[in-house]
Amino acid sequence: MKCVILQPSYIPWRGYFHQIQKADTFIFYDDVQYETRGWRNRNRVKTPNGAKWLSIPVLNKGSMVNETPINEILIDPTQNNWQEKHWKTVRQSYQKAPFFFQYEKLLAEFYCKKYDYLADFTIDFTIALARELGIEKTTFHRSSDFPARGRKTDRLLSLLKSVSATHYITGAAAKNYLEEEKLRAAGITLEYMIYDYPEYEQLYPPFDAQVSVLDLLFMTGKAAPKYIWEA
């Protein structure tokens, strides 16, 4: 049983979906502390004027926002045109891409839906994009669905046990904090991701690898897996 545990993000890059594809069970780590200026509420897309950040406005209660779990972060209701702005930027930037119209309906529907909570929107959007990438076998959970036990590695370990995982897949950055011996003692094997993806033709050169997966979908369509897990 292969498991991945990642914080929910807004229209993530292709490496995020590679981890989803490798997992039998994917857990959105939605009850850990929210951090500003991360990937939870924003990502980058290519435009004729260079890469542009798309940021979902959240209800910021001063310093308290950094003490709030991700799943309790509210989208700012006073900024009710953010979806229209994001969709306009995406549409104007990519309408000349070869496969834009293949995904236009899906995106237009998401940018019309109203969500109160950031995580609800980003999780639903991510699952929909995963299915568009042909990922069907992976099941999805939220960490908040399980009892919280311990902190850091102990919390991860409790989640892995909750889904009967025997193999944990994570990014290389986890080497800085993960207590590997605790996983070994629990009989759980460990795999660190290696992100080594080929370039593909993009609008507005030069090539930029650090953009949302939307760029890859719009440019390669159903061939997108060839530039992620089939590479």
Protein backbone atom coordinates (compact mmCIF):
# COMPACT_ATOMS: atom_id res chain seq x y z
CA MET A 1 0.00 0.00 0.00
CA LYS A 2 1.78 3.14 -1.27
CA CYS A 3 0.85 6.40 0.41
CA VAL A 4 1.62 10.07 -0.15
CA ILE A 5 0.79 12.86 2.32
CA LEU A 6 0.93 16.42 0.97
CA GLN A 7 -0.56 19.76 1.90
CA PRO A 8 -3.30 20.88 -0.52
CA SER A 9 -2.13 23.42 -3.08
CA TYR A 10 -3.68 25.60 -5.76
CA ILE A 11 -3.32 24.17 -9.31
CA PRO A 12 0.01 22.46 -8.42
CA TRP A 13 2.93 21.73 -10.71
CA ARG A 14 3.44 18.36 -12.43
CA GLY A 15 5.60 16.90 -9.66
CA TYR A 16 2.62 17.05 -7.27
CA PHE A 17 0.56 14.96 -9.70
CA HIS A 18 3.44 12.54 -10.14
CA GLN A 19 3.17 11.79 -6.43
CA ILE A 20 -0.59 11.31 -6.76
CA GLN A 21 -0.02 8.89 -9.64
CA LYS A 22 2.50 6.84 -7.64
CA ALA A 23 0.17 6.53 -4.62
CA ASP A 24 -2.52 3.98 -3.91
CA THR A 25 -3.76 6.36 -1.22
CA PHE A 26 -3.18 10.11 -1.26
CA ILE A 27 -3.82 12.12 1.90
CA PHE A 28 -4.28 15.87 1.73
CA TYR A 29 -2.51 17.16 4.84
CA ASP A 30 -5.17 19.74 5.54
CA ASP A 31 -5.09 20.14 9.32
CA VAL A 32 -1.54 21.44 9.70
CA GLN A 33 -0.70 25.11 10.17
CA TYR A 34 -1.31 27.40 7.22
CA GLU A 35 1.67 29.43 6.07
CA THR A 36 1.42 32.63 4.07
CA ARG A 37 3.33 33.10 0.81
CA GLY A 38 3.44 29.38 0.12
CA TRP A 39 1.69 27.23 -2.47
CA ARG A 40 -1.53 26.73 -0.52
CA ASN A 41 -3.37 29.59 -2.19
CA ARG A 42 -1.26 30.52 -5.20
CA ASN A 43 0.65 29.32 -8.24
CA ARG A 44 2.27 30.58 -11.42
CA VAL A 45 1.11 30.55 -15.04
CA LYS A 46 2.89 31.70 -18.18
CA THR A 47 1.70 34.88 -19.86
CA PRO A 48 2.99 36.94 -22.80
CA ASN A 49 4.63 39.20 -20.19
CA GLY A 50 6.31 36.40 -18.23
CA ALA A 51 5.23 34.21 -15.34
CA LYS A 52 2.34 35.59 -13.31
CA TRP A 53 1.16 34.66 -9.82
CA LEU A 54 -2.49 33.73 -9.37
CA SER A 55 -3.32 34.13 -5.68
CA ILE A 56 -6.60 33.21 -4.00
CA PRO A 57 -7.44 35.95 -1.49
CA VAL A 58 -7.90 34.55 2.01
CA LEU A 59 -9.48 36.10 5.06
CA ASN A 60 -6.40 37.37 6.85
CA LYS A 61 -6.84 38.00 10.57
CA GLY A 62 -3.43 39.55 11.04
CA SER A 63 -0.85 37.23 12.57
CA MET A 64 -3.59 34.73 13.45
CA VAL A 65 -3.66 33.37 9.92
CA ASN A 66 -0.35 31.62 10.57
CA GLU A 67 -1.84 29.87 13.58
CA THR A 68 -4.83 28.51 11.68
CA PRO A 69 -5.06 25.02 10.16
CA ILE A 70 -5.27 24.96 6.38
CA ASN A 71 -8.77 23.50 6.42
CA GLU A 72 -10.05 26.47 8.45
CA ILE A 73 -8.71 29.17 6.13
CA LEU A 74 -11.60 31.10 4.60
CA ILE A 75 -11.57 32.62 1.13
CA ASP A 76 -12.06 36.37 1.50
CA PRO A 77 -15.75 36.97 0.64
CA THR A 78 -15.12 40.66 -0.04
CA GLN A 79 -12.90 39.72 -3.01
CA ASN A 80 -15.70 38.03 -4.89
CA ASN A 81 -14.27 38.63 -8.37
CA TRP A 82 -10.99 36.75 -7.88
CA GLN A 83 -12.26 33.71 -9.79
CA GLU A 84 -13.27 35.83 -12.73
CA LYS A 85 -9.84 37.48 -12.74
CA HIS A 86 -7.98 34.16 -12.55
CA TRP A 87 -10.05 32.61 -15.30
CA LYS A 88 -9.58 35.69 -17.49
CA THR A 89 -5.80 35.51 -17.05
CA VAL A 90 -5.71 31.78 -17.81
CA ARG A 91 -7.99 32.15 -20.83
CA GLN A 92 -6.11 35.11 -22.31
CA SER A 93 -2.72 33.48 -21.73
CA TYR A 94 -3.54 30.04 -23.10
CA GLN A 95 -6.35 30.32 -25.62
CA LYS A 96 -3.78 29.85 -28.40
CA ALA A 97 -2.41 26.67 -26.79
CA PRO A 98 -3.09 23.48 -28.81
CA PHE A 99 -5.30 21.80 -26.20
CA PHE A 100 -6.78 24.73 -24.31
CA PHE A 101 -10.32 24.09 -25.50
CA GLN A 102 -10.10 20.47 -24.38
CA TYR A 103 -10.06 21.66 -20.75
CA GLU A 104 -11.91 24.97 -21.09
CA LYS A 105 -15.28 23.64 -19.90
CA LEU A 106 -13.83 22.00 -16.77
CA LEU A 107 -11.93 25.13 -15.74
CA ALA A 108 -14.80 27.47 -16.51
CA GLU A 109 -17.05 25.39 -14.25
CA PHE A 110 -14.57 25.48 -11.36
CA TYR A 111 -14.05 29.19 -11.67
CA CYS A 112 -17.82 29.67 -11.41
CA LYS A 113 -18.29 27.54 -8.28
CA LYS A 114 -18.48 29.29 -4.95
CA TYR A 115 -16.45 27.97 -2.04
CA ASP A 116 -16.16 29.28 1.49
CA TYR A 117 -12.99 27.41 2.44
CA LEU A 118 -9.69 27.46 0.57
CA ALA A 119 -8.95 23.75 1.06
CA ASP A 120 -12.35 22.67 -0.25
CA PHE A 121 -11.71 24.52 -3.50
CA THR A 122 -8.08 23.47 -4.01
CA ILE A 123 -8.70 19.82 -3.10
CA ASP A 124 -11.69 19.45 -5.41
CA PHE A 125 -9.78 21.18 -8.21
CA THR A 126 -6.70 18.98 -7.73
CA ILE A 127 -8.73 15.76 -7.81
CA ALA A 128 -10.49 16.87 -10.98
CA LEU A 129 -7.16 17.63 -12.67
CA ALA A 130 -5.74 14.28 -11.52
CA ARG A 131 -8.64 12.49 -13.21
CA GLU A 132 -8.03 14.53 -16.37
CA LEU A 133 -4.45 13.25 -16.30
CA GLY A 134 -5.82 9.71 -16.33
CA ILE A 135 -5.15 8.94 -12.66
CA GLU A 136 -8.01 6.64 -11.69
CA LYS A 137 -6.67 4.13 -9.16
CA THR A 138 -5.62 6.59 -6.45
CA THR A 139 -8.02 7.09 -3.56
CA PHE A 140 -8.12 10.40 -1.70
CA HIS A 141 -8.48 11.28 1.96
CA ARG A 142 -7.95 14.29 4.20
CA SER A 143 -5.78 14.11 7.28
CA SER A 144 -8.56 15.85 9.20
CA ASP A 145 -10.69 12.74 8.65
CA PHE A 146 -8.42 10.81 11.02
CA PRO A 147 -7.72 11.30 14.74
CA ALA A 148 -4.71 13.55 15.33
CA ARG A 149 -1.93 11.66 17.09
CA GLY A 150 1.47 13.16 17.83
CA ARG A 151 3.47 15.74 15.91
CA LYS A 152 5.77 15.72 12.89
CA THR A 153 6.97 12.17 12.14
CA ASP A 154 4.67 10.66 14.76
CA ARG A 155 1.66 12.35 13.15
CA LEU A 156 2.70 11.15 9.69
CA LEU A 157 3.18 7.67 11.05
CA SER A 158 -0.29 7.64 12.60
CA LEU A 159 -1.79 8.64 9.25
CA LEU A 160 0.15 5.94 7.43
CA LYS A 161 -1.08 3.35 9.89
CA SER A 162 -4.65 4.61 9.56
CA VAL A 163 -4.68 3.65 5.88
CA SER A 164 -2.57 0.49 6.37
CA ALA A 165 0.28 1.93 4.31
CA THR A 166 3.46 -0.10 3.89
CA HIS A 167 5.36 2.32 1.65
CA TYR A 168 5.66 6.09 2.09
CA ILE A 169 6.57 8.40 -0.82
CA THR A 170 7.70 11.95 -0.11
CA GLY A 171 9.76 14.81 -1.51
CA ALA A 172 13.49 15.13 -0.94
CA ALA A 173 12.96 18.13 1.37
CA ALA A 174 11.54 15.72 3.98
CA LYS A 175 15.09 14.46 4.60
CA ASN A 176 15.57 17.58 6.73
CA TYR A 177 12.98 16.59 9.34
CA LEU A 178 11.74 13.03 8.81
CA GLU A 179 12.77 10.54 11.50
CA GLU A 180 13.34 7.62 9.18
CA GLU A 181 14.05 5.14 11.96
CA LYS A 182 10.46 5.45 13.21
CA LEU A 183 9.12 4.38 9.82
CA ARG A 184 11.55 1.48 9.64
CA ALA A 185 10.52 0.34 13.11
CA ALA A 186 6.89 0.33 11.94
CA GLY A 187 7.75 -1.77 8.89
CA ILE A 188 7.12 1.06 6.43
CA THR A 189 9.53 1.50 3.53
CA LEU A 190 10.49 4.97 2.36
CA GLU A 191 10.93 6.49 -1.09
CA TYR A 192 12.12 10.01 -1.91
CA MET A 193 10.90 11.58 -5.13
CA ILE A 194 13.30 12.44 -7.92
CA TYR A 195 11.99 15.22 -10.13
CA ASP A 196 13.66 14.89 -13.51
CA TYR A 197 11.20 15.87 -16.20
CA PRO A 198 11.76 16.63 -19.88
CA GLU A 199 10.97 20.00 -21.37
CA TYR A 200 8.00 20.44 -23.69
CA GLU A 201 7.03 23.18 -26.08
CA GLN A 202 5.60 26.19 -24.25
CA LEU A 203 4.10 29.46 -25.33
CA TYR A 204 6.26 32.49 -24.58
CA PRO A 205 9.80 31.01 -24.31
CA PRO A 206 12.12 30.43 -22.56
CA PHE A 207 11.01 27.22 -20.89
CA ASP A 208 9.83 27.53 -17.30
CA ALA A 209 9.49 24.29 -15.32
CA GLN A 210 8.03 25.93 -12.22
CA VAL A 211 4.53 26.67 -13.46
CA SER A 212 1.13 25.12 -12.82
CA VAL A 213 0.23 21.78 -14.39
CA LEU A 214 -2.33 23.71 -16.46
CA ASP A 215 0.53 24.77 -18.74
CA LEU A 216 1.42 21.15 -19.47
CA LEU A 217 -2.20 20.13 -20.06
CA PHE A 218 -2.88 23.01 -22.41
CA MET A 219 0.28 22.33 -24.42
CA THR A 220 0.30 18.51 -24.58
CA GLY A 221 -3.25 17.33 -23.87
CA LYS A 222 -3.62 13.59 -23.33
CA ALA A 223 0.14 13.18 -23.89
CA ALA A 224 0.86 14.97 -20.59
CA PRO A 225 1.82 11.74 -18.70
CA LYS A 226 4.72 11.31 -21.14
CA TYR A 227 6.23 14.40 -19.55
CA ILE A 228 5.68 13.24 -15.97
CA TRP A 229 5.61 9.57 -14.95
CA GLU A 230 6.17 8.08 -18.39
CA ALA A 231 9.25 10.21 -19.02
